[in-house]
C-alpha atoms as a PDB file:
ATOM      1  CA  MET A   1      73.958 -64.135 -45.926  1.00  0.00           C
ATOM      2  CA  ALA A   2      75.984 -63.628 -49.149  1.00  0.00           C
ATOM      3  CA  THR A   3      78.511 -60.693 -49.119  1.00  0.00           C
ATOM      4  CA  VAL A   4      77.854 -57.847 -51.352  1.00  0.00           C
ATOM      5  CA  THR A   5      80.533 -56.502 -53.619  1.00  0.00           C
ATOM      6  CA  VAL A   6      81.238 -52.747 -54.100  1.00  0.00           C
ATOM      7  CA  TYR A   7      83.489 -51.687 -56.935  1.00  0.00           C
ATOM      8  CA  GLY A   8      85.549 -48.458 -56.722  1.00  0.00           C
ATOM      9  CA  PRO A   9      88.352 -46.665 -54.714  1.00  0.00           C
ATOM     10  CA  PRO A  10      87.199 -45.653 -51.196  1.00  0.00           C
ATOM     11  CA  LEU A  11      88.741 -42.084 -52.018  1.00  0.00           C
ATOM     12  CA  SER A  12      85.668 -41.594 -54.302  1.00  0.00           C
ATOM     13  CA  THR A  13      83.001 -39.656 -52.514  1.00  0.00           C
ATOM     14  CA  ALA A  14      80.363 -41.882 -54.150  1.00  0.00           C
ATOM     15  CA  VAL A  15      82.124 -45.034 -53.030  1.00  0.00           C
ATOM     16  CA  SER A  16      82.659 -43.742 -49.606  1.00  0.00           C
ATOM     17  CA  ARG A  17      78.994 -42.953 -49.164  1.00  0.00           C
ATOM     18  CA  VAL A  18      78.023 -46.546 -49.985  1.00  0.00           C
ATOM     19  CA  LEU A  19      80.716 -47.929 -47.714  1.00  0.00           C
ATOM     20  CA  ALA A  20      79.424 -45.882 -44.738  1.00  0.00           C
ATOM     21  CA  CYS A  21      75.818 -47.167 -45.214  1.00  0.00           C
ATOM     22  CA  LEU A  22      76.936 -50.788 -45.563  1.00  0.00           C
ATOM     23  CA  ILE A  23      78.962 -50.337 -42.231  1.00  0.00           C
ATOM     24  CA  GLU A  24      76.048 -48.655 -40.539  1.00  0.00           C
ATOM     25  CA  LYS A  25      73.679 -51.452 -41.517  1.00  0.00           C
ATOM     26  CA  ASP A  26      76.149 -53.967 -40.410  1.00  0.00           C
ATOM     27  CA  VAL A  27      76.210 -55.714 -43.908  1.00  0.00           C
ATOM     28  CA  ASP A  28      79.314 -57.660 -44.809  1.00  0.00           C
ATOM     29  CA  PHE A  29      80.976 -56.411 -48.086  1.00  0.00           C
ATOM     30  CA  LYS A  30      83.922 -56.952 -50.289  1.00  0.00           C
ATOM     31  CA  LEU A  31      85.575 -53.866 -51.819  1.00  0.00           C
ATOM     32  CA  VAL A  32      87.056 -54.436 -55.284  1.00  0.00           C
ATOM     33  CA  SER A  33      89.680 -51.926 -56.404  1.00  0.00           C
ATOM     34  CA  VAL A  34      89.086 -50.058 -59.740  1.00  0.00           C
ATOM     35  CA  ASP A  35      92.159 -48.242 -60.956  1.00  0.00           C
ATOM     36  CA  MET A  36      90.649 -45.426 -62.799  1.00  0.00           C
ATOM     37  CA  SER A  37      94.133 -44.054 -63.627  1.00  0.00           C
ATOM     38  CA  LYS A  38      94.439 -47.179 -65.855  1.00  0.00           C
ATOM     39  CA  GLY A  39      90.914 -46.803 -67.343  1.00  0.00           C
ATOM     40  CA  GLN A  40      89.671 -49.847 -65.650  1.00  0.00           C
ATOM     41  CA  HIS A  41      86.259 -48.166 -65.251  1.00  0.00           C
ATOM     42  CA  LYS A  42      85.969 -47.988 -68.931  1.00  0.00           C
ATOM     43  CA  SER A  43      86.579 -51.798 -69.512  1.00  0.00           C
ATOM     44  CA  PRO A  44      83.676 -53.683 -71.254  1.00  0.00           C
ATOM     45  CA  ASP A  45      83.250 -55.941 -68.226  1.00  0.00           C
ATOM     46  CA  PHE A  46      82.842 -52.832 -65.958  1.00  0.00           C
ATOM     47  CA  LEU A  47      80.532 -51.253 -68.194  1.00  0.00           C
ATOM     48  CA  LYS A  48      78.103 -54.071 -67.729  1.00  0.00           C
ATOM     49  CA  LEU A  49      77.787 -53.049 -64.238  1.00  0.00           C
ATOM     50  CA  GLN A  50      78.036 -49.434 -64.510  1.00  0.00           C
ATOM     51  CA  PRO A  51      77.010 -48.241 -68.042  1.00  0.00           C
ATOM     52  CA  PHE A  52      78.253 -44.703 -67.459  1.00  0.00           C
ATOM     53  CA  GLY A  53      81.821 -45.783 -66.704  1.00  0.00           C
ATOM     54  CA  GLN A  54      81.824 -44.231 -63.236  1.00  0.00           C
ATOM     55  CA  VAL A  55      82.080 -45.544 -59.609  1.00  0.00           C
ATOM     56  CA  PRO A  56      80.702 -47.174 -57.611  1.00  0.00           C
ATOM     57  CA  ALA A  57      79.175 -50.290 -59.148  1.00  0.00           C
ATOM     58  CA  PHE A  58      77.465 -52.663 -56.716  1.00  0.00           C
ATOM     59  CA  GLN A  59      76.508 -56.315 -56.774  1.00  0.00           C
ATOM     60  CA  ASP A  60      74.202 -58.223 -54.346  1.00  0.00           C
ATOM     61  CA  GLU A  61      73.711 -61.821 -55.567  1.00  0.00           C
ATOM     62  CA  HIS A  62      72.129 -61.380 -58.819  1.00  0.00           C
ATOM     63  CA  THR A  63      71.380 -57.731 -58.494  1.00  0.00           C
ATOM     64  CA  SER A  64      73.594 -55.005 -60.063  1.00  0.00           C
ATOM     65  CA  LEU A  65      73.210 -51.350 -59.193  1.00  0.00           C
ATOM     66  CA  PHE A  66      74.891 -48.010 -59.877  1.00  0.00           C
ATOM     67  CA  GLU A  67      74.588 -44.492 -58.438  1.00  0.00           C
ATOM     68  CA  SER A  68      75.403 -44.097 -54.692  1.00  0.00           C
ATOM     69  CA  ARG A  69      72.199 -43.007 -53.313  1.00  0.00           C
ATOM     70  CA  ALA A  70      70.052 -45.476 -55.082  1.00  0.00           C
ATOM     71  CA  ILE A  71      72.460 -48.223 -53.867  1.00  0.00           C
ATOM     72  CA  CYS A  72      72.229 -46.828 -50.183  1.00  0.00           C
ATOM     73  CA  ARG A  73      68.327 -46.774 -50.414  1.00  0.00           C
ATOM     74  CA  TYR A  74      68.389 -50.383 -51.715  1.00  0.00           C
ATOM     75  CA  ILE A  75      70.691 -51.504 -48.800  1.00  0.00           C
ATOM     76  CA  CYS A  76      68.414 -49.682 -46.290  1.00  0.00           C
ATOM     77  CA  ASP A  77      65.346 -51.481 -47.578  1.00  0.00           C
ATOM     78  CA  LYS A  78      66.680 -54.944 -48.203  1.00  0.00           C
ATOM     79  CA  TYR A  79      68.574 -54.873 -44.927  1.00  0.00           C
ATOM     80  CA  ALA A  80      65.886 -53.016 -42.895  1.00  0.00           C
ATOM     81  CA  ASP A  81      66.259 -55.249 -39.869  1.00  0.00           C
ATOM     82  CA  ARG A  82      69.992 -54.892 -39.579  1.00  0.00           C
ATOM     83  CA  GLY A  83      72.088 -52.132 -37.833  1.00  0.00           C
ATOM     84  CA  GLN A  84      71.097 -48.545 -37.761  1.00  0.00           C
ATOM     85  CA  SER A  85      67.574 -47.551 -39.149  1.00  0.00           C
ATOM     86  CA  LEU A  86      68.702 -45.001 -41.845  1.00  0.00           C
ATOM     87  CA  LEU A  87      65.311 -44.645 -43.744  1.00  0.00           C
ATOM     88  CA  GLY A  88      62.970 -44.484 -40.702  1.00  0.00           C
ATOM     89  CA  ARG A  89      62.198 -46.806 -37.708  1.00  0.00           C
ATOM     90  CA  LYS A  90      59.937 -49.785 -38.282  1.00  0.00           C
ATOM     91  CA  GLY A  91      56.502 -48.609 -38.045  1.00  0.00           C
ATOM     92  CA  GLY A  92      57.627 -45.027 -38.448  1.00  0.00           C
ATOM     93  CA  GLY A  93      55.183 -44.409 -41.238  1.00  0.00           C
ATOM     94  CA  PRO A  94      55.228 -42.430 -44.443  1.00  0.00           C
ATOM     95  CA  VAL A  95      55.815 -38.909 -42.836  1.00  0.00           C
ATOM     96  CA  GLU A  96      59.041 -40.183 -41.157  1.00  0.00           C
ATOM     97  CA  ARG A  97      60.243 -41.711 -44.493  1.00  0.00           C
ATOM     98  CA  ALA A  98      59.154 -38.565 -46.422  1.00  0.00           C
ATOM     99  CA  ARG A  99      61.166 -36.244 -44.006  1.00  0.00           C
ATOM    100  CA  ILE A 100      64.327 -38.260 -44.622  1.00  0.00           C
ATOM    101  CA  GLU A 101      63.813 -38.349 -48.248  1.00  0.00           C
ATOM    102  CA  GLN A 102      63.279 -34.554 -48.577  1.00  0.00           C
ATOM    103  CA  TRP A 103      66.582 -33.868 -46.770  1.00  0.00           C
ATOM    104  CA  LEU A 104      68.336 -36.546 -48.820  1.00  0.00           C
ATOM    105  CA  GLU A 105      67.063 -34.842 -51.819  1.00  0.00           C
ATOM    106  CA  ALA A 106      68.222 -31.368 -50.318  1.00  0.00           C
ATOM    107  CA  GLU A 107      71.703 -32.956 -50.062  1.00  0.00           C
ATOM    108  CA  GLY A 108      71.606 -34.127 -53.770  1.00  0.00           C
ATOM    109  CA  GLN A 109      70.275 -30.938 -55.146  1.00  0.00           C
ATOM    110  CA  SER A 110      71.396 -28.266 -52.965  1.00  0.00           C
ATOM    111  CA  PHE A 111      74.275 -29.352 -50.887  1.00  0.00           C
ATOM    112  CA  ASN A 112      76.082 -31.567 -53.372  1.00  0.00           C
ATOM    113  CA  PRO A 113      76.557 -29.239 -56.553  1.00  0.00           C
ATOM    114  CA  PRO A 114      78.574 -26.441 -54.680  1.00  0.00           C
ATOM    115  CA  SER A 115      80.404 -28.858 -52.381  1.00  0.00           C
ATOM    116  CA  SER A 116      81.406 -31.216 -55.289  1.00  0.00           C
ATOM    117  CA  THR A 117      82.950 -28.261 -57.036  1.00  0.00           C
ATOM    118  CA  LEU A 118      84.844 -27.110 -53.882  1.00  0.00           C
ATOM    119  CA  VAL A 119      85.962 -30.697 -53.228  1.00  0.00           C
ATOM    120  CA  PHE A 120      87.288 -31.031 -56.799  1.00  0.00           C
ATOM    121  CA  GLN A 121      89.000 -27.629 -56.917  1.00  0.00           C
ATOM    122  CA  LEU A 122      90.341 -27.860 -53.250  1.00  0.00           C
ATOM    123  CA  ALA A 123      91.299 -31.574 -52.943  1.00  0.00           C
ATOM    124  CA  PHE A 124      91.343 -33.206 -56.313  1.00  0.00           C
ATOM    125  CA  ALA A 125      92.593 -30.683 -58.690  1.00  0.00           C
ATOM    126  CA  PRO A 126      96.107 -30.291 -56.777  1.00  0.00           C
ATOM    127  CA  ARG A 127      96.408 -34.130 -56.743  1.00  0.00           C
ATOM    128  CA  MET A 128      95.955 -34.328 -60.484  1.00  0.00           C
ATOM    129  CA  GLY A 129      98.234 -31.420 -61.208  1.00  0.00           C
ATOM    130  CA  LEU A 130      95.473 -29.127 -62.345  1.00  0.00           C
ATOM    131  CA  PRO A 131      95.294 -25.473 -61.593  1.00  0.00           C
ATOM    132  CA  GLN A 132      92.674 -24.141 -59.164  1.00  0.00           C
ATOM    133  CA  ASP A 133      89.963 -21.668 -60.256  1.00  0.00           C
ATOM    134  CA  PRO A 134      89.724 -19.001 -57.357  1.00  0.00           C
ATOM    135  CA  ALA A 135      86.538 -17.622 -58.954  1.00  0.00           C
ATOM    136  CA  ALA A 136      84.855 -21.079 -58.866  1.00  0.00           C
ATOM    137  CA  ILE A 137      85.973 -21.483 -55.348  1.00  0.00           C
ATOM    138  CA  GLU A 138      84.537 -18.077 -54.241  1.00  0.00           C
ATOM    139  CA  LEU A 139      81.278 -18.501 -56.017  1.00  0.00           C
ATOM    140  CA  ASN A 140      80.581 -22.053 -54.621  1.00  0.00           C
ATOM    141  CA  GLU A 141      81.669 -21.145 -51.120  1.00  0.00           C
ATOM    142  CA  GLY A 142      79.021 -18.507 -51.296  1.00  0.00           C
ATOM    143  CA  LYS A 143      76.319 -20.994 -52.575  1.00  0.00           C
ATOM    144  CA  LEU A 144      77.171 -23.505 -50.070  1.00  0.00           C
ATOM    145  CA  GLY A 145      77.077 -21.037 -47.312  1.00  0.00           C
ATOM    146  CA  LYS A 146      73.472 -20.214 -48.184  1.00  0.00           C
ATOM    147  CA  VAL A 147      72.647 -23.873 -48.038  1.00  0.00           C
ATOM    148  CA  LEU A 148      74.097 -24.235 -44.639  1.00  0.00           C
ATOM    149  CA  ASP A 149      72.398 -21.303 -43.279  1.00  0.00           C
ATOM    150  CA  VAL A 150      69.052 -23.210 -44.031  1.00  0.00           C
ATOM    151  CA  TYR A 151      70.501 -26.140 -42.488  1.00  0.00           C
ATOM    152  CA  ASP A 152      71.463 -24.144 -39.337  1.00  0.00           C
ATOM    153  CA  ARG A 153      67.959 -22.976 -38.897  1.00  0.00           C
ATOM    154  CA  ARG A 154      66.608 -26.619 -39.319  1.00  0.00           C
ATOM    155  CA  LEU A 155      69.126 -28.003 -36.829  1.00  0.00           C
ATOM    156  CA  GLU A 156      68.110 -25.481 -34.160  1.00  0.00           C
ATOM    157  CA  GLU A 157      64.904 -27.459 -34.071  1.00  0.00           C
ATOM    158  CA  SER A 158      66.153 -31.111 -34.336  1.00  0.00           C
ATOM    159  CA  ARG A 159      69.229 -33.061 -33.523  1.00  0.00           C
ATOM    160  CA  PHE A 160      69.704 -34.254 -37.063  1.00  0.00           C
ATOM    161  CA  LEU A 161      68.261 -33.181 -40.420  1.00  0.00           C
ATOM    162  CA  ALA A 162      65.226 -35.306 -40.710  1.00  0.00           C
ATOM    163  CA  GLY A 163      64.470 -35.414 -36.820  1.00  0.00           C
ATOM    164  CA  ASP A 164      66.147 -36.748 -33.787  1.00  0.00           C
ATOM    165  CA  GLU A 165      67.513 -39.981 -35.305  1.00  0.00           C
ATOM    166  CA  PHE A 166      70.656 -40.284 -37.484  1.00  0.00           C
ATOM    167  CA  SER A 167      69.379 -41.100 -41.114  1.00  0.00           C
ATOM    168  CA  LEU A 168      70.712 -41.495 -44.659  1.00  0.00           C
ATOM    169  CA  ALA A 169      70.076 -37.755 -45.021  1.00  0.00           C
ATOM    170  CA  ASP A 170      72.864 -36.939 -42.629  1.00  0.00           C
ATOM    171  CA  LEU A 171      75.193 -39.733 -43.841  1.00  0.00           C
ATOM    172  CA  SER A 172      75.030 -38.623 -47.501  1.00  0.00           C
ATOM    173  CA  HIS A 173      76.753 -35.404 -46.420  1.00  0.00           C
ATOM    174  CA  LEU A 174      79.900 -37.102 -44.977  1.00  0.00           C
ATOM    175  CA  PRO A 175      81.931 -37.605 -48.177  1.00  0.00           C
ATOM    176  CA  ASN A 176      81.992 -34.135 -49.426  1.00  0.00           C
ATOM    177  CA  GLY A 177      81.979 -32.525 -45.923  1.00  0.00           C
ATOM    178  CA  HIS A 178      84.975 -34.629 -45.031  1.00  0.00           C
ATOM    179  CA  TYR A 179      87.122 -33.320 -47.989  1.00  0.00           C
ATOM    180  CA  LEU A 180      86.200 -29.893 -47.206  1.00  0.00           C
ATOM    181  CA  THR A 181      87.389 -30.101 -43.757  1.00  0.00           C
ATOM    182  CA  VAL A 182      90.542 -31.967 -44.596  1.00  0.00           C
ATOM    183  CA  ALA A 183      91.115 -29.065 -47.265  1.00  0.00           C
ATOM    184  CA  GLY A 184      91.016 -26.397 -44.642  1.00  0.00           C
ATOM    185  CA  LYS A 185      87.320 -25.299 -45.098  1.00  0.00           C
ATOM    186  CA  GLY A 186      85.935 -26.562 -41.828  1.00  0.00           C
ATOM    187  CA  GLU A 187      85.105 -23.170 -40.924  1.00  0.00           C
ATOM    188  CA  ILE A 188      82.054 -23.289 -43.205  1.00  0.00           C
ATOM    189  CA  PHE A 189      80.695 -25.795 -40.756  1.00  0.00           C
ATOM    190  CA  ALA A 190      82.271 -24.491 -37.495  1.00  0.00           C
ATOM    191  CA  SER A 191      80.978 -20.870 -37.964  1.00  0.00           C
ATOM    192  CA  ARG A 192      77.280 -22.043 -37.708  1.00  0.00           C
ATOM    193  CA  LYS A 193      76.547 -23.118 -34.240  1.00  0.00           C
ATOM    194  CA  ASN A 194      73.832 -25.818 -34.986  1.00  0.00           C
ATOM    195  CA  VAL A 195      75.670 -27.102 -38.188  1.00  0.00           C
ATOM    196  CA  ALA A 196      79.000 -27.246 -36.226  1.00  0.00           C
ATOM    197  CA  ARG A 197      77.245 -29.447 -33.433  1.00  0.00           C
ATOM    198  CA  TRP A 198      75.654 -31.673 -36.172  1.00  0.00           C
ATOM    199  CA  TRP A 199      78.859 -32.018 -38.162  1.00  0.00           C
ATOM    200  CA  GLU A 200      80.853 -33.004 -35.121  1.00  0.00           C
ATOM    201  CA  GLU A 201      78.341 -35.712 -34.266  1.00  0.00           C
ATOM    202  CA  ILE A 202      78.009 -37.342 -37.660  1.00  0.00           C
ATOM    203  CA  SER A 203      81.549 -37.077 -38.699  1.00  0.00           C
ATOM    204  CA  THR A 204      82.763 -38.769 -35.620  1.00  0.00           C
ATOM    205  CA  ARG A 205      80.514 -41.828 -35.964  1.00  0.00           C
ATOM    206  CA  PRO A 206      82.415 -45.115 -35.854  1.00  0.00           C
ATOM    207  CA  SER A 207      81.232 -46.017 -39.343  1.00  0.00           C
ATOM    208  CA  TRP A 208      82.668 -42.847 -40.859  1.00  0.00           C
ATOM    209  CA  LYS A 209      85.995 -43.459 -38.890  1.00  0.00           C
ATOM    210  CA  LYS A 210      86.256 -46.803 -40.507  1.00  0.00           C
ATOM    211  CA  VAL A 211      85.760 -45.334 -43.992  1.00  0.00           C
ATOM    212  CA  VAL A 212      88.497 -42.768 -43.491  1.00  0.00           C
ATOM    213  CA  GLU A 213      90.672 -45.417 -42.285  1.00  0.00           C
ATOM    214  CA  MET A 214      90.120 -47.293 -45.352  1.00  0.00           C
ATOM    215  CA  GLN A 215      90.746 -44.161 -47.391  1.00  0.00           C
ATOM    216  CA  ASN A 216      94.079 -43.558 -45.644  1.00  0.00           C
ATOM    217  CA  THR A 217      95.117 -47.365 -46.306  1.00  0.00           C
ATOM    218  CA  PRO A 218      97.258 -47.727 -49.454  1.00  0.00           C
ATOM    219  CA  PRO A 219      95.773 -50.167 -51.938  1.00  0.00           C
ATOM    220  CA  ALA A 220      97.274 -53.662 -51.946  1.00  0.00           C
ATOM    221  CA  SER A 221      99.874 -53.981 -54.622  1.00  0.00           C
END
């Protein structure tokens, strides 16, 4: 089987989502560094892979894709017989797939907007030498709290968001959630009993530990 290629830094939340998916699916991959500080993501060659000049870009033989959740769905479908079944068990049927998809959509539409703002304000703005916006932090903490209240009720009924099996819906929360906990906002998960149990379980999976290790490894010079 040919090795797939992921372009982008593992510190990127979108790149790390794809890396976690590949590791869960036991798919060999090559990670190609993209130095965004030098504008490599805006180069003509890179724009052929990612027309918006963002990361990640992804190649699998003659297939090129962008947008991390679409890439993850592709990986899960193409390599369905490998690793963890992230989009439903074989023979699970349309209802099982739809439940995963609805919670994956909830991540993208409800969890991601406030958590992404918080990640930028708390984790990336200081690294970039930019001032933090306390009003934006307070506003989005409130928004995210309301989302997690819904999650807490759901997770009282099931082990994971889409049911009793870990899925792409759970995995997709890891990048932003990780940065929030590292930035000292882990209480937003820990203060909700069922969310706390779920977060502890998904964030300690071997696949995510490997991604964090990659994030903490300095790029080769």
